[in-house]
Amino acid sequence: MVKWQNKLPNKHLLPVDKTIHGAMNSPEVRTVVHLHGTEVAPDSDGHPDAWYTRDYITTGSKFSRKVYKYYNDQQATTLWYHDHALGITRLNVYAGLVGFYIIHDSLEESLNIPKGEYDIPLLIQDKSFNADGSIFYPDQPATPVKGVYPSIVPAFIGNTIVVNGKLWPYLEVEPRKYRFRILNGSNTVGYTLKMSNDQSFWQIGTDGGLLMEPVELKSFILEPAERIDLIIDFSQLKGETITLMSDSANPNTSNIMQFKVVLPLKEEDTTDSYGRPMLLLNNLMWDEPTTETPEYDSIEIWEIVNLTQFPHPIHLHLVQFQILDRRPFDVEYFRRTGKIRYFINRRGEEPLPFERGWKDVVRAEAGKVTRIIAHFKNYSGDYVWHCHILEHEDYDMMRPLRVIKKYK
């Protein structure tokens, strides 16, 4: 449920032509919100005649409710909302009454695509500005209309580009994949867009949601109101600056925005004093305080997360255990948060036929969480667990394991 409110001043900041339908004998500043691409009942669709003024003092002939009902039961997609008031939509949208409305679902969450801070919406618009920085919109066409002032114009083409409201911006990106939901929010102008380095990217969605499979592109056309859902890979562009460009003949509007690929931040240093890389468990050295402390006679499920690119044979002293499963997970989310987020609709992989007995070594697959269940019985005291690649064990992929016996 959304209640859209009009708190705007009574005087429009742009020239209103009172001779066109909807604007005759109507207040200048009228609004009604249309959620573009949604599936809703008519009274929540944002009909052009369902407009209202500040505090609903005056309303249009189709106005029936203040609170709109959006069910959000569509597939995951990139929608947007914008004003749709009869006779002044062009002015209200140009003035800024526009925004993204993104729907997620479990299928999208299960996909191994960029998420969170790496999923970025981009709203492209063309605008013009007065000398004082205020936005400019023409009050007459190129050939002035006699007896009408101000007059609607047949089209508007601005001389500058703004993205998410900022003039020719840049975005610092990491050398990795990003998801960009790009919306053409311009009044008139369509764009043919490409990257300045002519690199390919992958389209994964359109106006209505995700595609069945990704499509490799080097350019695309985006008309007003269209959206495209892309994945761009910056992993091979460390330290470079790339521009998203259009085919505009006007040099002022041919550059949309820049991507500055920052050098990767150093992860926590796991090299020794000679610069040799070390593989660690939980990013801890052998002689750091014990962190694995199961109670005597307890049963625990261990989740062994492998962020490396190859498998490791993990051995626990003292116990025989059983392998529960191996499950793919969102590696990037884990790197950001330290929390495991499994992919919905992707079941865990059962142990292979030759792994289904009692084990004391388990192969921890790359990019997966390997789950084991163990009973810490018979003895208490100090033991260890480690990778059984002996070069890894010696340097420093081994940690203490202390079974604690509590006396009552």
Protein backbone atom coordinates (compact mmCIF):
# COMPACT_ATOMS: atom_id res chain seq x y z
CA MET A 1 0.00 0.00 0.00
CA VAL A 2 1.47 3.38 -1.01
CA LYS A 3 0.04 6.81 -0.35
CA TRP A 4 1.41 9.28 -2.86
CA GLN A 5 1.18 12.90 -1.71
CA ASN A 6 1.47 16.20 -3.53
CA LYS A 7 3.40 18.70 -1.40
CA LEU A 8 4.53 20.86 -4.30
CA PRO A 9 4.01 24.64 -4.56
CA ASN A 10 1.03 25.98 -6.46
CA LYS A 11 3.13 27.57 -9.22
CA HIS A 12 4.89 25.27 -11.68
CA LEU A 13 8.59 25.90 -12.19
CA LEU A 14 8.27 25.19 -15.93
CA PRO A 15 6.07 26.86 -18.62
CA VAL A 16 2.55 25.37 -18.72
CA ASP A 17 0.62 25.58 -22.01
CA LYS A 18 -3.01 26.16 -21.00
CA THR A 19 -4.32 25.51 -24.52
CA ILE A 20 -3.80 21.74 -24.57
CA HIS A 21 -6.15 19.05 -23.25
CA GLY A 22 -6.06 18.56 -19.53
CA ALA A 23 -4.34 21.85 -18.79
CA MET A 24 -7.27 24.10 -19.65
CA ASN A 25 -8.93 25.54 -16.56
CA SER A 26 -6.93 23.20 -14.31
CA PRO A 27 -4.43 24.01 -11.56
CA GLU A 28 -0.83 24.20 -12.80
CA VAL A 29 0.69 21.74 -10.33
CA ARG A 30 -1.24 18.50 -10.57
CA THR A 31 0.25 15.06 -10.02
CA VAL A 32 -0.73 11.42 -10.29
CA VAL A 33 1.75 8.55 -10.05
CA HIS A 34 1.86 5.75 -12.60
CA LEU A 35 3.92 2.70 -11.67
CA HIS A 36 5.18 1.89 -15.13
CA GLY A 37 5.01 -1.82 -15.98
CA THR A 38 3.04 -2.98 -12.97
CA GLU A 39 -0.09 -5.11 -13.03
CA VAL A 40 -2.73 -3.42 -10.84
CA ALA A 41 -6.40 -2.52 -10.68
CA PRO A 42 -7.51 0.63 -12.59
CA ASP A 43 -7.88 2.73 -9.44
CA SER A 44 -4.16 2.23 -8.63
CA ASP A 45 -2.82 2.60 -12.16
CA GLY A 46 -2.30 6.36 -12.14
CA HIS A 47 -4.89 7.32 -14.75
CA PRO A 48 -4.07 10.73 -16.31
CA ASP A 49 -7.40 12.13 -15.05
CA ALA A 50 -6.90 10.78 -11.51
CA TRP A 51 -4.67 13.73 -10.65
CA TYR A 52 -4.74 15.73 -7.45
CA THR A 53 -3.31 18.99 -6.17
CA ARG A 54 -1.55 19.76 -2.93
CA ASP A 55 -3.27 18.01 0.01
CA TYR A 56 -5.96 16.70 -2.42
CA ILE A 57 -7.78 20.07 -2.42
CA THR A 58 -8.68 19.61 -6.09
CA THR A 59 -8.86 16.28 -7.91
CA GLY A 60 -9.43 15.02 -11.44
CA SER A 61 -12.51 13.24 -12.75
CA LYS A 62 -10.97 9.76 -12.34
CA PHE A 63 -9.58 10.29 -8.84
CA SER A 64 -11.00 7.70 -6.42
CA ARG A 65 -8.40 6.83 -3.80
CA LYS A 66 -5.44 8.33 -1.96
CA VAL A 67 -3.76 5.01 -1.19
CA TYR A 68 -2.65 2.83 -4.10
CA LYS A 69 -2.41 -0.95 -3.81
CA TYR A 70 0.56 -2.67 -5.48
CA TYR A 71 0.60 -6.47 -5.22
CA ASN A 72 4.21 -6.97 -6.34
CA ASP A 73 3.36 -10.48 -7.53
CA GLN A 74 5.16 -10.17 -10.85
CA GLN A 75 8.44 -11.87 -11.58
CA ALA A 76 11.57 -10.01 -10.53
CA THR A 77 11.88 -6.92 -12.69
CA THR A 78 12.92 -3.29 -12.92
CA LEU A 79 9.90 -0.97 -12.92
CA TRP A 80 9.80 2.78 -12.53
CA TYR A 81 7.25 5.31 -11.37
CA HIS A 82 6.58 8.70 -12.91
CA ASP A 83 3.96 11.41 -13.00
CA HIS A 84 1.12 10.96 -15.49
CA ALA A 85 -1.06 14.07 -14.97
CA LEU A 86 -3.02 14.97 -18.08
CA GLY A 87 -1.42 17.76 -20.13
CA ILE A 88 1.71 18.22 -17.98
CA THR A 89 3.36 14.79 -17.82
CA ARG A 90 6.30 16.04 -19.91
CA LEU A 91 6.92 18.88 -17.45
CA ASN A 92 6.52 16.89 -14.25
CA VAL A 93 8.79 14.06 -15.37
CA TYR A 94 11.39 16.51 -16.65
CA ALA A 95 11.21 18.39 -13.34
CA GLY A 96 12.09 15.21 -11.46
CA LEU A 97 8.94 13.24 -10.54
CA VAL A 98 10.43 9.86 -11.42
CA GLY A 99 12.13 6.96 -9.67
CA PHE A 100 12.92 3.23 -9.69
CA TYR A 101 10.65 0.52 -8.28
CA ILE A 102 12.40 -2.85 -8.19
CA ILE A 103 10.69 -6.19 -7.58
CA HIS A 104 12.72 -9.19 -6.37
CA ASP A 105 11.73 -12.85 -6.16
CA SER A 106 13.21 -16.14 -4.98
CA LEU A 107 14.32 -17.19 -8.46
CA GLU A 108 16.37 -14.04 -8.87
CA GLU A 109 17.86 -14.51 -5.39
CA SER A 110 18.96 -18.03 -6.34
CA LEU A 111 20.98 -16.83 -9.33
CA ASN A 112 24.72 -16.27 -9.15
CA ILE A 113 24.56 -12.65 -10.31
CA PRO A 114 25.81 -9.45 -8.66
CA LYS A 115 23.67 -8.37 -5.70
CA GLY A 116 23.55 -5.72 -3.00
CA GLU A 117 25.97 -2.86 -3.60
CA TYR A 118 26.94 -4.41 -6.94
CA ASP A 119 23.38 -4.13 -8.30
CA ILE A 120 23.04 -0.50 -9.41
CA PRO A 121 20.11 1.30 -11.11
CA LEU A 122 21.04 4.05 -13.60
CA LEU A 123 18.49 6.66 -14.77
CA ILE A 124 19.63 8.49 -17.91
CA GLN A 125 18.05 11.83 -18.85
CA ASP A 126 18.94 14.79 -21.02
CA LYS A 127 18.43 18.28 -19.63
CA SER A 128 19.32 21.91 -20.26
CA PHE A 129 20.13 24.54 -17.64
CA ASN A 130 19.92 28.28 -17.24
CA ALA A 131 22.93 30.37 -16.27
CA ASP A 132 21.87 30.30 -12.61
CA GLY A 133 21.77 26.50 -12.56
CA SER A 134 17.98 26.13 -12.72
CA ILE A 135 16.59 23.72 -15.28
CA PHE A 136 15.51 25.11 -18.63
CA TYR A 137 12.56 23.94 -20.71
CA PRO A 138 11.51 25.82 -23.87
CA ASP A 139 8.33 27.90 -23.86
CA GLN A 140 8.06 28.04 -27.68
CA PRO A 141 8.94 25.68 -30.56
CA ALA A 142 11.68 26.67 -33.02
CA THR A 143 9.03 28.42 -35.10
CA PRO A 144 7.02 30.39 -32.51
CA VAL A 145 3.26 29.91 -32.40
CA LYS A 146 1.39 33.19 -32.75
CA GLY A 147 -1.10 33.95 -30.02
CA VAL A 148 0.01 31.12 -27.72
CA TYR A 149 2.49 31.64 -24.92
CA PRO A 150 3.84 29.49 -23.51
CA SER A 151 3.36 26.78 -26.13
CA ILE A 152 4.03 23.05 -26.05
CA VAL A 153 6.98 21.96 -28.20
CA PRO A 154 6.93 18.89 -30.49
CA ALA A 155 10.05 17.43 -28.90
CA PHE A 156 12.70 18.29 -26.35
CA ILE A 157 16.41 17.56 -26.70
CA GLY A 158 18.65 18.76 -23.88
CA ASN A 159 22.29 19.73 -24.20
CA THR A 160 23.60 17.86 -21.16
CA ILE A 161 23.28 14.35 -19.73
CA VAL A 162 22.43 13.55 -16.13
CA VAL A 163 22.54 10.07 -14.59
CA ASN A 164 20.64 9.59 -11.34
CA GLY A 165 20.31 13.38 -11.23
CA LYS A 166 24.03 14.10 -11.52
CA LEU A 167 25.71 15.84 -14.42
CA TRP A 168 28.09 13.54 -16.36
CA PRO A 169 28.97 11.51 -13.27
CA TYR A 170 31.55 8.82 -12.70
CA LEU A 171 31.29 5.67 -10.64
CA GLU A 172 34.24 3.99 -8.97
CA VAL A 173 33.91 0.25 -9.49
CA GLU A 174 35.93 -2.70 -8.31
CA PRO A 175 37.57 -5.01 -10.86
CA ARG A 176 34.66 -7.47 -10.82
CA LYS A 177 31.18 -7.96 -12.31
CA TYR A 178 28.38 -5.46 -11.72
CA ARG A 179 24.69 -5.51 -12.51
CA PHE A 180 23.27 -2.31 -14.00
CA ARG A 181 19.54 -1.66 -14.46
CA ILE A 182 19.50 1.15 -17.03
CA LEU A 183 16.38 3.27 -17.61
CA ASN A 184 15.93 5.89 -20.31
CA GLY A 185 13.97 8.58 -18.47
CA SER A 186 14.32 11.22 -21.17
CA ASN A 187 11.30 12.98 -22.65
CA THR A 188 12.18 12.47 -26.32
CA VAL A 189 15.68 11.16 -26.91
CA GLY A 190 16.54 7.53 -27.60
CA TYR A 191 20.08 6.29 -27.05
CA THR A 192 22.30 3.76 -28.79
CA LEU A 193 24.72 2.87 -26.02
CA LYS A 194 28.08 1.12 -25.94
CA MET A 195 31.32 1.10 -23.94
CA SER A 196 34.22 3.29 -25.07
CA ASN A 197 36.59 0.30 -25.10
CA ASP A 198 34.15 -1.65 -27.30
CA GLN A 199 33.92 -4.45 -24.75
CA SER A 200 31.04 -6.89 -24.64
CA PHE A 201 28.54 -7.16 -21.80
CA TRP A 202 25.65 -9.46 -21.00
CA GLN A 203 21.96 -8.60 -21.10
CA ILE A 204 19.99 -10.59 -18.50
CA GLY A 205 16.68 -8.71 -18.50
CA THR A 206 14.25 -6.35 -20.24
CA ASP A 207 11.26 -4.22 -19.22
CA GLY A 208 9.29 -7.20 -17.93
CA GLY A 209 11.96 -9.19 -16.13
CA LEU A 210 14.77 -11.68 -16.57
CA LEU A 211 15.55 -13.41 -19.85
CA MET A 212 15.62 -17.19 -20.15
CA GLU A 213 19.34 -16.96 -20.91
CA PRO A 214 21.86 -14.10 -21.13
CA VAL A 215 22.60 -12.36 -24.43
CA GLU A 216 26.05 -11.04 -25.28
CA LEU A 217 25.98 -7.48 -26.67
CA LYS A 218 28.33 -4.70 -27.65
CA SER A 219 25.63 -2.04 -28.05
CA PHE A 220 21.90 -1.59 -27.61
CA ILE A 221 19.12 0.92 -28.31
CA LEU A 222 17.10 2.35 -25.43
CA GLU A 223 14.04 4.45 -26.26
CA PRO A 224 12.25 6.64 -23.67
CA ALA A 225 10.78 4.51 -20.83
CA GLU A 226 12.66 1.34 -21.85
CA ARG A 227 14.82 -0.55 -19.37
CA ILE A 228 17.65 -3.00 -19.86
CA ASP A 229 19.28 -5.23 -17.26
CA LEU A 230 23.01 -5.79 -17.85
CA ILE A 231 26.06 -7.41 -16.32
CA ILE A 232 29.35 -5.66 -17.08
CA ASP A 233 32.65 -7.30 -16.15
CA PHE A 234 35.43 -4.92 -15.08
CA SER A 235 37.77 -7.66 -13.79
CA GLN A 236 40.33 -7.18 -16.58
CA LEU A 237 40.29 -3.37 -16.41
CA LYS A 238 42.13 -2.58 -13.18
CA GLY A 239 43.15 1.08 -13.04
CA GLU A 240 41.36 2.00 -16.28
CA THR A 241 38.58 4.51 -17.00
CA ILE A 242 35.80 3.48 -19.38
CA THR A 243 32.95 5.65 -20.67
CA LEU A 244 29.38 4.61 -21.39
CA MET A 245 28.72 6.39 -24.69
CA SER A 246 25.80 7.17 -26.97
CA ASP A 247 25.83 7.69 -30.73
CA SER A 248 24.68 11.32 -30.41
CA ALA A 249 26.11 13.74 -32.94
CA ASN A 250 26.21 16.35 -30.17
CA PRO A 251 29.54 16.02 -28.30
CA ASN A 252 27.82 17.31 -25.15
CA THR A 253 25.49 14.31 -25.05
CA SER A 254 27.67 11.56 -26.54
CA ASN A 255 29.27 10.77 -23.18
CA ILE A 256 26.83 9.38 -20.62
CA MET A 257 29.02 8.54 -17.61
CA GLN A 258 32.39 7.10 -16.65
CA PHE A 259 33.40 3.97 -14.79
CA LYS A 260 36.70 4.28 -12.94
CA VAL A 261 38.01 0.82 -12.17
CA VAL A 262 39.89 1.18 -8.91
CA LEU A 263 42.85 -1.00 -8.09
CA PRO A 264 41.64 -3.82 -5.86
CA LEU A 265 41.79 -3.24 -2.15
CA LYS A 266 44.30 -5.44 -0.42
CA GLU A 267 42.73 -8.24 1.49
CA GLU A 268 44.00 -8.99 4.94
CA ASP A 269 47.71 -9.74 4.60
CA THR A 270 48.32 -13.49 4.66
CA THR A 271 51.92 -13.41 3.49
CA ASP A 272 54.95 -14.03 5.65
CA SER A 273 57.87 -11.68 6.15
CA TYR A 274 59.39 -12.95 2.88
CA GLY A 275 56.23 -12.24 0.89
CA ARG A 276 55.25 -15.89 0.52
CA PRO A 277 51.47 -16.49 0.41
CA MET A 278 49.96 -18.56 3.20
CA LEU A 279 46.72 -20.53 3.18
CA LEU A 280 44.89 -20.18 6.48
CA LEU A 281 41.82 -21.55 8.23
CA ASN A 282 39.43 -18.75 9.27
CA ASN A 283 42.26 -16.37 8.37
CA LEU A 284 44.08 -17.35 11.58
CA MET A 285 47.64 -18.51 12.16
CA TRP A 286 48.41 -21.77 13.95
CA ASP A 287 49.44 -20.15 17.23
CA GLU A 288 46.50 -17.75 17.58
CA PRO A 289 43.89 -18.45 20.30
CA THR A 290 41.73 -21.54 19.88
CA THR A 291 38.36 -20.84 18.26
CA GLU A 292 36.95 -24.37 17.81
CA THR A 293 35.91 -25.61 21.27
CA PRO A 294 33.20 -28.30 21.11
CA GLU A 295 31.90 -29.71 24.38
CA TYR A 296 32.68 -33.28 25.30
CA ASP A 297 29.96 -35.71 24.12
CA SER A 298 28.38 -33.01 21.92
CA ILE A 299 27.29 -33.42 18.32
CA GLU A 300 28.15 -30.56 15.97
CA ILE A 301 27.56 -29.74 12.33
CA TRP A 302 30.54 -27.97 10.80
CA GLU A 303 30.19 -25.81 7.69
CA ILE A 304 33.53 -25.70 5.87
CA VAL A 305 33.53 -22.71 3.50
CA ASN A 306 36.07 -22.88 0.67
CA LEU A 307 36.75 -19.49 -0.92
CA THR A 308 39.80 -20.72 -2.86
CA GLN A 309 39.83 -22.02 -6.41
CA PHE A 310 40.76 -25.61 -5.62
CA PRO A 311 39.64 -28.35 -3.20
CA HIS A 312 41.23 -29.05 0.17
CA PRO A 313 41.20 -32.38 2.06
CA ILE A 314 40.20 -31.37 5.60
CA HIS A 315 41.04 -33.72 8.49
CA LEU A 316 39.74 -33.59 12.07
CA HIS A 317 41.70 -35.39 14.75
CA LEU A 318 39.91 -37.57 17.32
CA VAL A 319 36.59 -38.07 15.52
CA GLN A 320 35.02 -39.97 12.68
CA PHE A 321 32.30 -37.93 10.99
CA GLN A 322 29.77 -38.19 8.20
CA ILE A 323 29.40 -35.91 5.19
CA LEU A 324 25.97 -34.29 4.98
CA ASP A 325 26.23 -32.41 1.70
CA ARG A 326 28.05 -29.82 -0.37
CA ARG A 327 26.17 -26.70 -1.32
CA PRO A 328 26.99 -23.82 -3.70
CA PHE A 329 26.62 -20.42 -2.07
CA ASP A 330 26.88 -16.70 -2.79
CA VAL A 331 30.64 -16.22 -2.51
CA GLU A 332 30.53 -12.44 -2.99
CA TYR A 333 27.90 -12.02 -0.27
CA PHE A 334 30.03 -14.09 2.11
CA ARG A 335 33.10 -11.97 1.35
CA ARG A 336 31.11 -8.82 2.18
CA THR A 337 29.27 -10.01 5.26
CA GLY A 338 30.88 -13.19 6.54
CA LYS A 339 27.45 -14.85 6.35
CA ILE A 340 26.51 -17.90 4.30
CA ARG A 341 23.66 -17.34 1.85
CA TYR A 342 22.71 -20.45 -0.07
CA PHE A 343 21.14 -20.27 -3.50
CA ILE A 344 17.42 -20.97 -3.29
CA ASN A 345 16.20 -23.77 -5.57
CA ARG A 346 19.69 -25.33 -5.73
CA ARG A 347 19.78 -28.43 -3.58
CA GLY A 348 22.79 -29.63 -1.67
CA GLU A 349 24.91 -32.29 -3.35
CA GLU A 350 24.80 -35.56 -1.45
CA PRO A 351 28.10 -37.32 -0.68
CA LEU A 352 29.33 -39.52 -3.50
CA PRO A 353 28.76 -43.29 -3.15
CA PHE A 354 32.31 -43.90 -1.94
CA GLU A 355 32.00 -41.13 0.72
CA ARG A 356 28.93 -42.35 2.57
CA GLY A 357 30.60 -44.20 5.43
CA TRP A 358 32.47 -42.86 8.43
CA LYS A 359 35.20 -40.43 7.47
CA ASP A 360 38.02 -38.47 9.06
CA VAL A 361 38.98 -36.59 5.87
CA VAL A 362 36.55 -34.68 3.65
CA ARG A 363 37.18 -32.97 0.32
CA ALA A 364 36.09 -29.33 0.71
CA GLU A 365 35.14 -28.32 -2.84
CA ALA A 366 36.04 -24.89 -4.24
CA GLY A 367 33.20 -22.36 -4.06
CA LYS A 368 31.02 -24.59 -1.91
CA VAL A 369 30.07 -25.13 1.71
CA THR A 370 30.84 -28.69 2.79
CA ARG A 371 28.80 -29.77 5.80
CA ILE A 372 29.84 -32.59 8.13
CA ILE A 373 28.38 -33.93 11.38
CA ALA A 374 30.66 -35.18 14.17
CA HIS A 375 30.27 -36.60 17.69
CA PHE A 376 33.03 -35.38 20.01
CA LYS A 377 33.12 -38.29 22.44
CA ASN A 378 35.56 -40.59 24.27
CA TYR A 379 38.18 -37.96 25.07
CA SER A 380 38.57 -34.29 25.95
CA GLY A 381 41.63 -32.12 25.54
CA ASP A 382 43.75 -30.54 22.81
CA TYR A 383 43.61 -31.82 19.24
CA VAL A 384 43.93 -30.20 15.81
CA TRP A 385 42.16 -29.92 12.47
CA HIS A 386 43.93 -29.09 9.23
CA CYS A 387 44.26 -29.36 5.48
CA HIS A 388 45.97 -32.64 4.62
CA ILE A 389 47.88 -31.22 1.70
CA LEU A 390 51.09 -31.44 3.70
CA GLU A 391 52.63 -28.27 2.31
CA HIS A 392 49.47 -26.41 3.36
CA GLU A 393 49.44 -28.04 6.80
CA ASP A 394 53.03 -27.02 7.45
CA TYR A 395 52.35 -23.46 6.37
CA ASP A 396 49.87 -22.58 8.30
CA MET A 397 46.64 -24.32 7.34
CA MET A 398 46.20 -26.02 10.68
CA ARG A 399 44.33 -24.90 13.79
CA PRO A 400 43.94 -26.14 17.37
CA LEU A 401 40.76 -28.00 18.35
CA ARG A 402 39.95 -28.20 22.06
CA VAL A 403 37.27 -30.59 23.33
CA ILE A 404 36.05 -29.17 26.63
CA LYS A 405 34.73 -31.38 29.39
CA LYS A 406 32.57 -29.47 31.85
CA TYR A 407 32.43 -30.90 35.36
CA LYS A 408 29.25 -30.51 37.35
